Amino acid sequence: RRVHGEIPVCITFKRTHQMSKQDQIDPVDVAVAEITGIADMFKRMTDSCWKQCILDMREPQLSTGETSCIDRCANKYFDVHEIVGTQLQTTLEKAAAGMNK
């Protein structure tokens, strides 16, 4: 379980076979892609949780119910993101293992 405020780390995919110089991926490109993916996930999570949890814009502070809703929404979003990432990692590793046979 995640500690409040912790952001999950993106998955880095490993290649098990030798890559030619042309096939090698630039680490900077990988880092940019991961940051872009995290920013996109954060935007989608923010939009989704805002629509679900913030119903009254007249108050300057979040109510207890809104705060609780946002916390649950964000945790659920991160949990699902982690599950999907793990399943994708497993699928890609199995596919790579099949290609190496």
Foldseek 3Di string as FASTA:
>chain_A
DDDPPDADAADDADADDDDDPVRDDDVVVVVVVRVVVVVVLVVVLVVVLCVVQPDDPPDPDGDPRSVVSSSVSVVVSRVVVVVVRVVVNVVVVVVSVVVVD
